[in-house]
Amino acid sequence: MRAGAVSGRRRGGTAAGLFGASLLVAATVLGAGGASALPSAPPSGSASPGGPGAGGTRGDQDESNGKRGDKENRGDQGDRGEKGDRGEESGRPGSPGSTSARPGTTPPSTAASAPASASAPASASASAKPSAVARPAPAGAVLAAAEAGPGAGLPTAQGLQQALATVLTDQNLGTVGLAVADAADGQLLYGKGENTAATPASTTKLATSVAALSLIPGDTRLATRVVKNAATGGITLVGGGDPTLTALPADQVQVAGVPADPDTAPASLDALARQTAAALKAAGTTTVALDYDVSLYTGPLLHKNHDGENIAAVTPLMVDEGKTDPKSLADAPARVADPAAAAAESFANLLKAQGVTVQGKAKAATAPAAADAPVLGRVDSPTVARLVERMLTTSDNTLAEAIARQAAIAAHQPAAFEGAATAVTQELTRLGVPMTGVVLNDGSGLHPGNAIPPAVLVKLLALAASAQHPTLRPVLTGLPIAGFTGTLGKRFGAGSGAADAAGLVRAKTGSLSGVNTLAGTVVDAEGRLLAFALMTRTGAPVDTARAAMDRVVARLAACGCH
């Protein structure tokens, strides 16, 4: 039965409320920020409005046209995804595992039970300052389940199997792994190879986000500082791990191609230069030596699949995500070879514009900046909650690796690829996520050796929806909206066979060569919110495979499946 034929059965306006919430999110959900420094107050005049360049996040989308996916996994098809269809179809009732919050965590009173028409803003963090959540946030609507009633029962395994039978046999899907669960409590409703690990691609970012938001207060901001260098008599630009720091003028900065509001605006390198120049000139200094400190991170700079486009070199100091053209709208923009050196050069030029000359060329500092060094200037990123939303909506690989390193720092692990993977694995284990079969090598999902079963992905989504974990809510509000935002903006369209589900699906996309994944939430015909994870490996053309996947999810939206 087509979705349109059953849309009138959606109870209590739930679907309409979620659709309206989706439109609201389209204008408000994108953020920019970072976090592992201690929570700080919102920046006061230190960041310019806007985001890190037109396409400041689009450059890391891995779902736009298939070109990126082929680059991400060149020469290594792997074999984990091939196992996704070996398990028997099952509809075993049971939960992927529900966990409790850390001691002292207070669940929200209405976040998981508010009706879908609710429009009250919801905090992305239990401890976030008011200014960190000043914009509307549709978390309550996003999490709304069906209204109680005898006709609003859970979908059954048999009903789901019957509804999905035809679409799951589409040969364009190739090998398939699928898990469907009740988002309210994570109860598994239907599975096909749901416990078989497959290559997650960018759905790895769900694991990174859950771990990071569990480890780091959502209102934390990442600071980029300039301090006095007692050893050289000059100044040091200290990288704090914020790849969204922008060198563009305020009237040129955008996030995902649109102007950012004050809550999502990135920190401004120009504002930092103005602060620093004012402090230096007040002390009678107009000529100064400059070096830069990148000691926050350890390990290799380059990802295993680094290609100079899909991801920048991973360093704690960069501007505009290391793009050679900060205003580029390309899906995979060219990146500078040394983002830290380029950032320091930009900073020196901005100081010169303020009447302070930098002697010679800025160099990497020989030692970390002293903890008690006098601060001449500081700019702060948006909150980590906004950072996670932005990363998920646009599938930003550079931002994902930065967030993973902040999680590593918070977990007292080395801020490197390996340390970040360890931190995420340990934190998810602590949260009760079943980690059998899970292999993580990075935070972005670019690594073809990552492996996650579909059942684990739906567990992550259920945790984000749980009343016991309100700080995880940005994982849901950051998911792209089918047909409207981010990496789903051009999917579920007319002619796809899935258009009736536009606005009812929010999901993280993922693609590597031959691999396509989709994991998120969908509102069914009776207004119940379901969590799903669909993982495929196929030789079909990228757009054809994705359309086949979209039709599977659209079938979930079209049925009550009893």
Protein backbone atom coordinates (compact mmCIF):
# COMPACT_ATOMS: atom_id res chain seq x y z
CA MET A 1 0.00 0.00 0.00
CA ARG A 2 1.35 3.45 -0.88
CA ALA A 3 2.19 5.87 1.89
CA GLY A 4 -0.31 8.38 0.56
CA ALA A 5 -3.10 5.87 0.95
CA VAL A 6 -2.43 5.42 4.63
CA SER A 7 -1.30 8.88 5.61
CA GLY A 8 -4.69 9.67 7.06
CA ARG A 9 -4.18 6.96 9.65
CA ARG A 10 -1.26 8.74 11.28
CA ARG A 11 -2.50 9.28 14.78
CA GLY A 12 -3.02 12.58 16.51
CA GLY A 13 -1.25 14.62 13.85
CA THR A 14 2.04 12.94 14.75
CA ALA A 15 3.32 12.74 11.20
CA ALA A 16 2.30 16.30 10.46
CA GLY A 17 4.01 17.48 13.61
CA LEU A 18 7.21 15.69 12.70
CA PHE A 19 7.05 17.03 9.16
CA GLY A 20 6.71 20.56 10.51
CA ALA A 21 9.56 19.93 12.91
CA SER A 22 11.66 18.72 10.00
CA LEU A 23 11.08 21.97 8.16
CA LEU A 24 12.01 23.88 11.29
CA VAL A 25 15.23 21.95 11.61
CA ALA A 26 16.12 22.68 8.01
CA ALA A 27 16.60 26.31 8.96
CA THR A 28 18.01 25.88 12.45
CA VAL A 29 19.81 22.62 13.05
CA LEU A 30 23.23 23.24 11.51
CA GLY A 31 25.90 24.22 13.97
CA ALA A 32 29.60 24.71 14.20
CA GLY A 33 31.74 24.19 17.21
CA GLY A 34 34.14 22.00 19.04
CA ALA A 35 34.92 20.77 22.48
CA SER A 36 37.34 19.33 24.88
CA ALA A 37 38.45 22.39 26.74
CA LEU A 38 36.64 23.15 29.94
CA PRO A 39 33.09 24.46 29.42
CA SER A 40 33.20 28.17 28.77
CA ALA A 41 30.86 31.07 28.36
CA PRO A 42 29.65 31.92 24.85
CA PRO A 43 32.04 34.17 22.94
CA SER A 44 31.39 37.87 23.33
CA GLY A 45 32.08 39.62 20.07
CA SER A 46 35.00 37.34 19.27
CA ALA A 47 33.41 35.40 16.44
CA SER A 48 32.05 36.74 13.23
CA PRO A 49 28.53 35.71 12.19
CA GLY A 50 28.36 32.98 9.62
CA GLY A 51 30.13 29.71 8.97
CA PRO A 52 33.40 28.60 7.49
CA GLY A 53 32.82 29.48 3.90
CA ALA A 54 30.12 28.76 1.40
CA GLY A 55 30.08 25.01 1.48
CA GLY A 56 32.00 25.07 4.73
CA THR A 57 30.68 21.62 5.44
CA ARG A 58 29.55 20.45 2.02
CA GLY A 59 33.13 19.70 1.11
CA ASP A 60 33.01 16.64 3.31
CA GLN A 61 29.74 15.19 2.12
CA ASP A 62 30.20 11.60 1.07
CA GLU A 63 26.73 11.11 -0.33
CA SER A 64 26.30 13.71 -3.03
CA ASN A 65 27.20 12.13 -6.33
CA GLY A 66 29.06 8.88 -5.88
CA LYS A 67 32.40 10.37 -6.87
CA ARG A 68 33.46 10.73 -3.26
CA GLY A 69 32.51 7.21 -2.28
CA ASP A 70 34.79 5.72 -4.91
CA LYS A 71 37.68 7.82 -3.69
CA GLU A 72 37.11 6.83 -0.09
CA ASN A 73 37.70 3.13 -0.60
CA ARG A 74 39.91 2.83 -3.67
CA GLY A 75 41.47 -0.57 -4.11
CA ASP A 76 40.04 -2.11 -0.93
CA GLN A 77 36.60 -3.61 -1.17
CA GLY A 78 36.98 -5.56 2.06
CA ASP A 79 34.84 -8.55 2.95
CA ARG A 80 32.95 -7.63 6.10
CA GLY A 81 30.02 -6.23 4.20
CA GLU A 82 29.70 -9.42 2.18
CA LYS A 83 28.58 -11.23 5.33
CA GLY A 84 25.57 -9.04 5.90
CA ASP A 85 23.05 -11.47 4.40
CA ARG A 86 24.22 -14.70 6.00
CA GLY A 87 22.02 -14.43 9.06
CA GLU A 88 18.49 -15.75 8.95
CA GLU A 89 15.67 -13.25 8.88
CA SER A 90 14.39 -12.78 12.38
CA GLY A 91 11.81 -10.85 14.25
CA ARG A 92 12.90 -11.90 17.67
CA PRO A 93 11.57 -9.59 20.30
CA GLY A 94 14.27 -8.28 22.50
CA SER A 95 16.18 -5.16 23.14
CA PRO A 96 19.60 -4.26 21.81
CA GLY A 97 20.15 -3.33 25.44
CA SER A 98 18.92 -0.41 27.45
CA THR A 99 21.30 1.38 29.74
CA SER A 100 21.01 3.82 32.54
CA ALA A 101 22.61 7.21 32.71
CA ARG A 102 25.68 7.97 34.73
CA PRO A 103 25.02 8.60 38.42
CA GLY A 104 23.55 12.00 38.88
CA THR A 105 22.05 12.26 35.38
CA THR A 106 18.52 13.59 35.49
CA PRO A 107 16.26 12.47 32.66
CA PRO A 108 14.10 15.13 31.04
CA SER A 109 10.48 15.20 32.08
CA THR A 110 9.00 15.38 28.60
CA ALA A 111 11.69 14.81 25.97
CA ALA A 112 10.62 11.32 25.01
CA SER A 113 6.92 11.65 25.59
CA ALA A 114 5.92 15.08 24.31
CA PRO A 115 3.35 15.06 21.52
CA ALA A 116 4.73 15.64 18.06
CA SER A 117 3.15 19.04 17.83
CA ALA A 118 5.22 20.32 20.73
CA SER A 119 7.31 23.28 19.73
CA ALA A 120 9.04 24.24 22.96
CA PRO A 121 12.82 24.48 22.57
CA ALA A 122 14.76 21.58 24.05
CA SER A 123 18.27 21.85 25.42
CA ALA A 124 20.94 19.87 23.64
CA SER A 125 22.73 19.44 26.93
CA ALA A 126 21.52 19.13 30.47
CA SER A 127 24.13 21.65 31.51
CA ALA A 128 24.17 23.96 28.49
CA LYS A 129 24.01 27.66 29.15
CA PRO A 130 20.91 29.43 27.83
CA SER A 131 22.85 31.16 25.10
CA ALA A 132 24.06 27.81 23.83
CA VAL A 133 20.53 26.73 23.01
CA ALA A 134 18.87 30.03 22.19
CA ARG A 135 17.51 28.76 18.87
CA PRO A 136 14.45 26.51 18.53
CA ALA A 137 15.27 22.81 18.77
CA PRO A 138 12.64 20.25 17.82
CA ALA A 139 13.96 17.43 19.99
CA GLY A 140 10.59 16.79 21.60
CA ALA A 141 8.85 16.50 18.26
CA VAL A 142 11.62 14.40 16.80
CA LEU A 143 11.33 11.91 19.64
CA ALA A 144 7.55 11.77 19.80
CA ALA A 145 6.11 8.26 19.74
CA ALA A 146 2.59 7.31 18.75
CA GLU A 147 -0.18 8.33 21.09
CA ALA A 148 -1.30 5.56 23.38
CA GLY A 149 -4.26 3.60 22.15
CA PRO A 150 -5.36 0.11 21.20
CA GLY A 151 -4.57 0.70 17.52
CA ALA A 152 -1.08 2.07 18.10
CA GLY A 153 0.65 -1.23 18.86
CA LEU A 154 4.15 -2.10 17.75
CA PRO A 155 4.76 -3.40 14.25
CA THR A 156 5.17 -7.17 14.25
CA ALA A 157 7.96 -9.22 12.76
CA GLN A 158 5.49 -10.85 10.38
CA GLY A 159 4.00 -7.51 9.37
CA LEU A 160 7.42 -6.01 8.71
CA GLN A 161 8.57 -9.07 6.78
CA GLN A 162 5.50 -8.91 4.55
CA ALA A 163 5.84 -5.16 3.98
CA LEU A 164 9.54 -5.34 3.12
CA ALA A 165 9.61 -8.63 1.19
CA THR A 166 9.42 -7.11 -2.28
CA VAL A 167 11.74 -4.12 -1.77
CA LEU A 168 14.41 -6.22 -0.04
CA THR A 169 14.70 -8.51 -3.07
CA ASP A 170 15.76 -5.61 -5.30
CA GLN A 171 19.00 -6.85 -6.84
CA ASN A 172 20.41 -3.33 -6.78
CA LEU A 173 20.78 -3.69 -3.01
CA GLY A 174 23.23 -6.56 -3.28
CA THR A 175 24.11 -7.99 0.13
CA VAL A 176 21.81 -6.55 2.79
CA GLY A 177 21.91 -6.17 6.56
CA LEU A 178 18.85 -4.63 8.24
CA ALA A 179 17.65 -3.92 11.76
CA VAL A 180 14.37 -2.22 12.72
CA ALA A 181 13.62 -1.29 16.32
CA ASP A 182 11.15 0.69 18.38
CA ALA A 183 12.93 4.01 18.94
CA ALA A 184 11.15 4.43 22.28
CA ASP A 185 13.03 1.60 23.98
CA GLY A 186 15.30 0.01 21.38
CA GLN A 187 13.33 -3.22 21.19
CA LEU A 188 14.35 -5.08 18.05
CA LEU A 189 11.31 -5.69 15.86
CA TYR A 190 12.81 -7.16 12.71
CA GLY A 191 16.22 -8.13 11.44
CA LYS A 192 18.00 -9.56 8.43
CA GLY A 193 21.65 -10.21 9.18
CA GLU A 194 21.24 -7.69 11.97
CA ASN A 195 24.08 -9.07 14.09
CA THR A 196 26.54 -9.46 11.22
CA ALA A 197 29.15 -6.71 11.12
CA ALA A 198 29.35 -4.78 7.86
CA THR A 199 31.31 -1.77 6.62
CA PRO A 200 29.52 1.26 8.11
CA ALA A 201 31.17 4.03 6.08
CA SER A 202 29.96 7.38 7.44
CA THR A 203 27.40 5.85 9.78
CA THR A 204 30.53 5.41 11.92
CA LYS A 205 29.88 9.05 12.82
CA LEU A 206 26.92 7.90 14.94
CA ALA A 207 29.31 6.00 17.19
CA THR A 208 31.68 8.97 17.33
CA SER A 209 28.85 11.35 18.20
CA VAL A 210 27.31 9.21 20.93
CA ALA A 211 30.67 8.67 22.62
CA ALA A 212 31.69 12.32 22.34
CA LEU A 213 28.42 13.66 23.74
CA SER A 214 28.60 11.16 26.57
CA LEU A 215 32.17 12.17 27.44
CA ILE A 216 32.00 15.94 26.88
CA PRO A 217 29.48 18.46 28.29
CA GLY A 218 27.31 19.67 25.42
CA ASP A 219 27.90 23.34 26.24
CA THR A 220 31.68 23.02 25.97
CA ARG A 221 33.39 25.38 23.52
CA LEU A 222 36.77 24.98 21.91
CA ALA A 223 39.22 27.85 22.32
CA THR A 224 41.85 29.09 19.90
CA ARG A 225 44.30 31.34 21.79
CA VAL A 226 47.28 33.61 21.39
CA VAL A 227 49.69 33.72 24.33
CA LYS A 228 52.98 35.37 25.16
CA ASN A 229 56.03 33.18 24.61
CA ALA A 230 58.50 33.82 27.42
CA ALA A 231 61.20 31.74 25.75
CA THR A 232 61.25 33.68 22.48
CA GLY A 233 59.83 36.99 23.57
CA GLY A 234 57.24 36.63 20.84
CA ILE A 235 53.71 35.23 20.66
CA THR A 236 52.29 31.75 20.09
CA LEU A 237 49.09 30.84 18.23
CA VAL A 238 47.71 27.82 20.10
CA GLY A 239 45.50 25.36 18.21
CA GLY A 240 42.62 23.97 20.23
CA GLY A 241 41.25 21.52 17.69
CA ASP A 242 38.58 23.68 16.04
CA PRO A 243 38.60 23.02 12.25
CA THR A 244 35.70 25.42 11.73
CA LEU A 245 37.71 28.51 12.71
CA THR A 246 37.34 30.89 9.77
CA ALA A 247 39.59 33.50 8.21
CA LEU A 248 36.81 34.89 6.02
CA PRO A 249 35.15 38.27 6.56
CA ALA A 250 31.78 38.11 8.28
CA ASP A 251 29.82 38.90 5.13
CA GLN A 252 31.36 35.96 3.26
CA VAL A 253 31.01 33.12 5.75
CA GLN A 254 28.30 30.47 5.44
CA VAL A 255 27.51 27.06 6.86
CA ALA A 256 26.32 24.48 4.35
CA GLY A 257 25.76 27.21 1.80
CA VAL A 258 23.55 29.44 3.97
CA PRO A 259 24.30 32.21 6.49
CA ALA A 260 24.67 30.98 10.06
CA ASP A 261 22.82 32.43 13.02
CA PRO A 262 24.79 33.62 16.08
CA ASP A 263 24.39 30.24 17.72
CA THR A 264 26.14 28.41 14.87
CA ALA A 265 28.70 31.01 13.76
CA PRO A 266 32.29 29.77 13.88
CA ALA A 267 35.09 31.54 15.66
CA SER A 268 36.79 34.31 13.67
CA LEU A 269 40.54 34.44 13.10
CA ASP A 270 40.16 38.12 12.28
CA ALA A 271 38.58 38.75 15.69
CA LEU A 272 41.51 36.92 17.29
CA ALA A 273 43.97 39.09 15.36
CA ARG A 274 42.17 42.26 16.45
CA GLN A 275 42.31 41.23 20.10
CA THR A 276 45.97 40.30 19.87
CA ALA A 277 46.99 43.47 18.02
CA ALA A 278 45.16 45.64 20.54
CA ALA A 279 46.96 43.94 23.44
CA LEU A 280 50.36 44.22 21.76
CA LYS A 281 49.94 47.86 20.81
CA ALA A 282 48.75 48.67 24.32
CA ALA A 283 52.12 47.35 25.50
CA GLY A 284 53.96 49.41 22.89
CA THR A 285 54.75 46.48 20.59
CA THR A 286 54.20 46.69 16.83
CA THR A 287 56.72 44.06 15.66
CA VAL A 288 56.67 40.52 16.98
CA ALA A 289 57.87 36.97 16.31
CA LEU A 290 55.13 34.36 15.80
CA ASP A 291 55.10 30.60 16.21
CA TYR A 292 52.24 28.11 16.46
CA ASP A 293 51.51 25.26 18.86
CA VAL A 294 49.93 22.04 17.54
CA SER A 295 50.87 19.85 20.50
CA LEU A 296 47.25 19.02 21.40
CA TYR A 297 47.22 16.10 18.94
CA THR A 298 49.64 13.21 18.58
CA GLY A 299 50.19 10.53 15.95
CA PRO A 300 50.04 10.78 12.15
CA LEU A 301 48.49 13.79 10.45
CA LEU A 302 47.10 11.90 7.50
CA HIS A 303 44.19 9.47 7.44
CA LYS A 304 44.82 6.06 5.87
CA ASN A 305 42.57 7.13 2.97
CA HIS A 306 43.78 10.72 2.78
CA ASP A 307 43.42 12.08 -0.74
CA GLY A 308 43.75 15.81 -0.16
CA GLU A 309 40.04 16.36 -0.82
CA ASN A 310 37.67 14.26 1.28
CA ILE A 311 39.52 15.12 4.47
CA ALA A 312 42.20 17.57 5.56
CA ALA A 313 45.36 16.67 7.42
CA VAL A 314 44.24 16.20 11.02
CA THR A 315 45.83 18.95 13.08
CA PRO A 316 44.50 21.04 15.99
CA LEU A 317 45.14 24.30 14.14
CA MET A 318 43.49 25.09 10.82
CA VAL A 319 41.12 27.60 9.27
CA ASP A 320 38.15 26.84 7.04
CA GLU A 321 38.84 23.09 7.35
CA GLY A 322 42.11 23.43 5.47
CA LYS A 323 40.51 24.25 2.11
CA THR A 324 42.64 25.96 -0.50
CA ASP A 325 39.54 27.99 -1.40
CA PRO A 326 37.53 28.61 1.80
CA LYS A 327 34.46 29.60 -0.24
CA SER A 328 34.47 26.46 -2.37
CA LEU A 329 31.13 24.68 -2.85
CA ALA A 330 32.81 21.51 -4.14
CA ASP A 331 31.80 18.25 -2.48
CA ALA A 332 35.46 17.31 -2.11
CA PRO A 333 37.46 20.57 -2.15
CA ALA A 334 41.22 20.70 -2.52
CA ARG A 335 43.03 21.00 0.82
CA VAL A 336 46.28 22.70 1.74
CA ALA A 337 49.20 20.40 2.51
CA ASP A 338 49.97 21.99 5.91
CA PRO A 339 46.79 23.45 7.48
CA ALA A 340 48.57 24.68 10.62
CA ALA A 341 51.22 26.63 8.71
CA ALA A 342 48.54 28.08 6.44
CA ALA A 343 46.50 29.18 9.46
CA ALA A 344 49.53 30.88 11.01
CA GLU A 345 50.24 32.67 7.72
CA SER A 346 46.65 33.91 7.57
CA PHE A 347 46.92 35.10 11.15
CA ALA A 348 50.15 36.99 10.41
CA ASN A 349 48.46 38.76 7.48
CA LEU A 350 45.51 39.72 9.68
CA LEU A 351 47.89 41.10 12.33
CA LYS A 352 49.60 43.18 9.65
CA ALA A 353 46.23 44.64 8.68
CA GLN A 354 45.91 45.76 12.32
CA GLY A 355 49.31 47.47 12.34
CA VAL A 356 51.42 44.65 13.85
CA THR A 357 54.26 43.21 11.74
CA VAL A 358 55.35 39.57 12.14
CA GLN A 359 59.09 39.05 11.84
CA GLY A 360 59.94 36.51 9.17
CA LYS A 361 57.76 33.46 8.68
CA ALA A 362 55.79 31.80 11.45
CA LYS A 363 57.22 28.45 12.53
CA ALA A 364 56.01 25.50 14.54
CA ALA A 365 56.73 25.96 18.25
CA THR A 366 59.54 23.86 19.67
CA ALA A 367 57.61 23.24 22.88
CA PRO A 368 53.98 23.46 24.03
CA ALA A 369 52.81 26.83 25.26
CA ALA A 370 53.12 27.24 29.00
CA ALA A 371 49.86 26.63 30.85
CA ASP A 372 50.22 29.93 32.70
CA ALA A 373 51.31 32.01 29.69
CA PRO A 374 49.52 35.40 29.55
CA VAL A 375 46.64 35.29 27.07
CA LEU A 376 46.55 38.09 24.48
CA GLY A 377 43.48 36.89 22.60
CA ARG A 378 40.95 34.08 22.51
CA VAL A 379 38.00 33.07 20.33
CA ASP A 380 35.59 30.25 21.13
CA SER A 381 33.77 27.86 18.84
CA PRO A 382 30.06 27.11 19.08
CA THR A 383 29.11 24.36 21.52
CA VAL A 384 29.95 20.71 21.04
CA ALA A 385 26.22 20.00 20.64
CA ARG A 386 26.10 22.29 17.59
CA LEU A 387 29.36 20.80 16.34
CA VAL A 388 27.94 17.29 16.40
CA GLU A 389 24.75 18.38 14.63
CA ARG A 390 26.72 20.04 11.87
CA MET A 391 29.02 17.05 11.44
CA LEU A 392 26.11 14.60 11.13
CA THR A 393 23.96 16.75 8.83
CA THR A 394 26.74 17.29 6.34
CA SER A 395 28.83 14.14 6.91
CA ASP A 396 31.90 16.24 7.54
CA ASN A 397 34.95 13.97 7.75
CA THR A 398 37.41 16.61 8.95
CA LEU A 399 35.03 17.69 11.69
CA ALA A 400 34.35 14.07 12.66
CA GLU A 401 38.03 13.36 13.24
CA ALA A 402 38.30 16.53 15.32
CA ILE A 403 35.34 15.44 17.47
CA ALA A 404 36.86 11.97 17.85
CA ARG A 405 40.07 13.51 19.18
CA GLN A 406 38.15 15.62 21.66
CA ALA A 407 36.55 12.40 22.88
CA ALA A 408 40.02 10.86 23.19
CA ILE A 409 41.26 13.79 25.26
CA ALA A 410 38.23 13.59 27.54
CA ALA A 411 38.84 9.85 27.98
CA HIS A 412 42.55 10.39 28.71
CA GLN A 413 43.62 8.63 25.54
CA PRO A 414 46.18 9.88 23.00
CA ALA A 415 44.60 12.40 20.63
CA ALA A 416 45.32 10.32 17.53
CA PHE A 417 43.41 7.94 15.25
CA GLU A 418 44.11 4.93 17.47
CA GLY A 419 43.46 6.75 20.74
CA ALA A 420 40.19 8.17 19.44
CA ALA A 421 38.99 4.73 18.33
CA THR A 422 39.88 3.34 21.75
CA ALA A 423 38.04 6.13 23.53
CA VAL A 424 34.88 5.64 21.46
CA THR A 425 34.98 1.86 21.92
CA GLN A 426 35.44 2.12 25.68
CA GLU A 427 32.69 4.70 26.14
CA LEU A 428 30.16 2.78 24.06
CA THR A 429 30.96 -0.32 26.08
CA ARG A 430 30.35 1.63 29.28
CA LEU A 431 26.99 2.76 27.90
CA GLY A 432 25.98 -0.86 27.39
CA VAL A 433 26.28 -0.99 23.61
CA PRO A 434 26.92 -4.59 22.48
CA MET A 435 30.33 -4.32 20.84
CA THR A 436 30.68 -7.84 19.44
CA GLY A 437 31.89 -7.50 15.87
CA VAL A 438 32.54 -3.77 16.15
CA VAL A 439 35.89 -2.60 14.76
CA LEU A 440 36.77 1.10 14.72
CA ASN A 441 39.85 2.64 13.12
CA ASP A 442 38.74 6.26 12.85
CA GLY A 443 35.96 8.67 13.76
CA SER A 444 34.73 9.57 10.29
CA GLY A 445 34.10 6.19 8.64
CA LEU A 446 36.56 6.73 5.80
CA HIS A 447 38.52 3.66 6.90
CA PRO A 448 37.34 0.57 4.95
CA GLY A 449 38.34 -1.69 7.85
CA ASN A 450 35.62 -0.36 10.18
CA ALA A 451 32.86 -2.85 10.99
CA ILE A 452 29.53 -2.39 12.82
CA PRO A 453 26.44 -4.66 12.85
CA PRO A 454 23.08 -3.04 11.98
CA ALA A 455 21.74 -3.93 15.45
CA VAL A 456 24.48 -1.80 17.03
CA LEU A 457 23.57 1.22 14.93
CA VAL A 458 19.92 1.04 16.04
CA LYS A 459 21.12 0.67 19.62
CA LEU A 460 23.06 3.94 19.25
CA LEU A 461 19.94 5.66 17.91
CA ALA A 462 17.82 4.26 20.76
CA LEU A 463 20.33 5.59 23.28
CA ALA A 464 20.07 9.03 21.70
CA ALA A 465 16.28 8.85 22.05
CA SER A 466 16.40 7.61 25.63
CA ALA A 467 15.09 9.77 28.45
CA GLN A 468 18.07 8.55 30.48
CA HIS A 469 20.51 10.20 28.07
CA PRO A 470 19.25 13.72 27.25
CA THR A 471 22.76 14.91 26.43
CA LEU A 472 22.75 12.59 23.39
CA ARG A 473 19.79 14.33 21.78
CA PRO A 474 21.90 16.20 19.14
CA VAL A 475 22.57 12.81 17.54
CA LEU A 476 18.91 12.82 16.47
CA THR A 477 18.47 16.52 15.75
CA GLY A 478 21.60 16.45 13.62
CA LEU A 479 20.39 13.68 11.32
CA PRO A 480 19.69 14.85 7.74
CA ILE A 481 16.01 15.13 6.80
CA ALA A 482 14.90 13.15 3.76
CA GLY A 483 14.31 15.47 0.83
CA PHE A 484 15.29 18.60 2.75
CA THR A 485 18.69 18.84 4.44
CA GLY A 486 22.29 17.74 4.32
CA THR A 487 23.24 14.50 2.61
CA LEU A 488 19.56 13.53 2.22
CA GLY A 489 18.60 16.82 0.59
CA LYS A 490 18.54 15.31 -2.91
CA ARG A 491 17.17 11.90 -1.97
CA PHE A 492 13.57 10.68 -1.55
CA GLY A 493 12.61 12.93 -4.46
CA ALA A 494 10.05 12.70 -7.24
CA GLY A 495 10.55 9.59 -9.34
CA SER A 496 12.53 7.76 -6.65
CA GLY A 497 9.62 5.62 -5.53
CA ALA A 498 10.26 6.93 -2.02
CA ALA A 499 8.95 10.51 -2.26
CA ASP A 500 6.05 9.87 0.14
CA ALA A 501 8.60 9.42 2.94
CA ALA A 502 10.23 12.82 2.45
CA GLY A 503 10.17 14.69 5.74
CA LEU A 504 9.35 11.52 7.69
CA VAL A 505 12.85 10.07 7.58
CA ARG A 506 15.93 11.41 9.37
CA ALA A 507 19.05 9.37 8.77
CA LYS A 508 22.84 9.34 8.62
CA THR A 509 24.16 8.31 5.24
CA GLY A 510 27.34 6.44 4.44
CA SER A 511 29.21 5.41 1.31
CA LEU A 512 32.48 3.86 0.31
CA SER A 513 33.28 2.08 -2.92
CA GLY A 514 30.54 -0.53 -3.32
CA VAL A 515 29.14 0.22 0.14
CA ASN A 516 26.02 2.23 0.98
CA THR A 517 24.51 2.58 4.44
CA LEU A 518 21.59 4.45 5.99
CA ALA A 519 20.72 4.57 9.69
CA GLY A 520 18.21 6.78 11.44
CA THR A 521 14.55 7.17 12.34
CA VAL A 522 11.30 6.94 10.39
CA VAL A 523 7.69 7.69 11.32
CA ASP A 524 5.40 4.82 10.36
CA ALA A 525 1.79 5.10 9.17
CA GLU A 526 0.49 5.06 12.74
CA GLY A 527 2.83 7.76 13.95
CA ARG A 528 5.26 5.50 15.77
CA LEU A 529 8.93 6.39 15.60
CA LEU A 530 11.11 3.50 14.44
CA ALA A 531 14.88 3.27 14.40
CA PHE A 532 16.48 1.46 11.49
CA ALA A 533 19.86 0.61 10.04
CA LEU A 534 20.23 -0.58 6.44
CA MET A 535 23.68 -1.68 5.25
CA THR A 536 24.42 -2.85 1.71
CA ARG A 537 27.29 -3.93 -0.48
CA THR A 538 26.61 -3.90 -4.20
CA GLY A 539 28.10 -3.35 -7.62
CA ALA A 540 25.07 -1.35 -8.76
CA PRO A 541 25.54 2.32 -9.69
CA VAL A 542 25.60 4.52 -6.58
CA ASP A 543 22.41 6.47 -7.31
CA THR A 544 20.54 3.29 -8.25
CA ALA A 545 21.59 1.55 -5.03
CA ARG A 546 20.62 4.53 -2.90
CA ALA A 547 17.19 4.79 -4.52
CA ALA A 548 16.61 1.11 -3.77
CA MET A 549 17.55 1.73 -0.14
CA ASP A 550 15.25 4.72 0.07
CA ARG A 551 12.36 2.58 -1.12
CA VAL A 552 12.99 0.13 1.73
CA VAL A 553 12.76 2.93 4.29
CA ALA A 554 9.75 4.46 2.53
CA ARG A 555 7.96 1.11 2.92
CA LEU A 556 8.50 1.37 6.68
CA ALA A 557 6.90 4.81 6.62
CA ALA A 558 3.93 3.51 4.62
CA CYS A 559 2.78 0.71 6.92
CA GLY A 560 1.63 -0.02 10.43
CA CYS A 561 3.03 -3.50 9.84
CA HIS A 562 0.89 -5.44 12.33
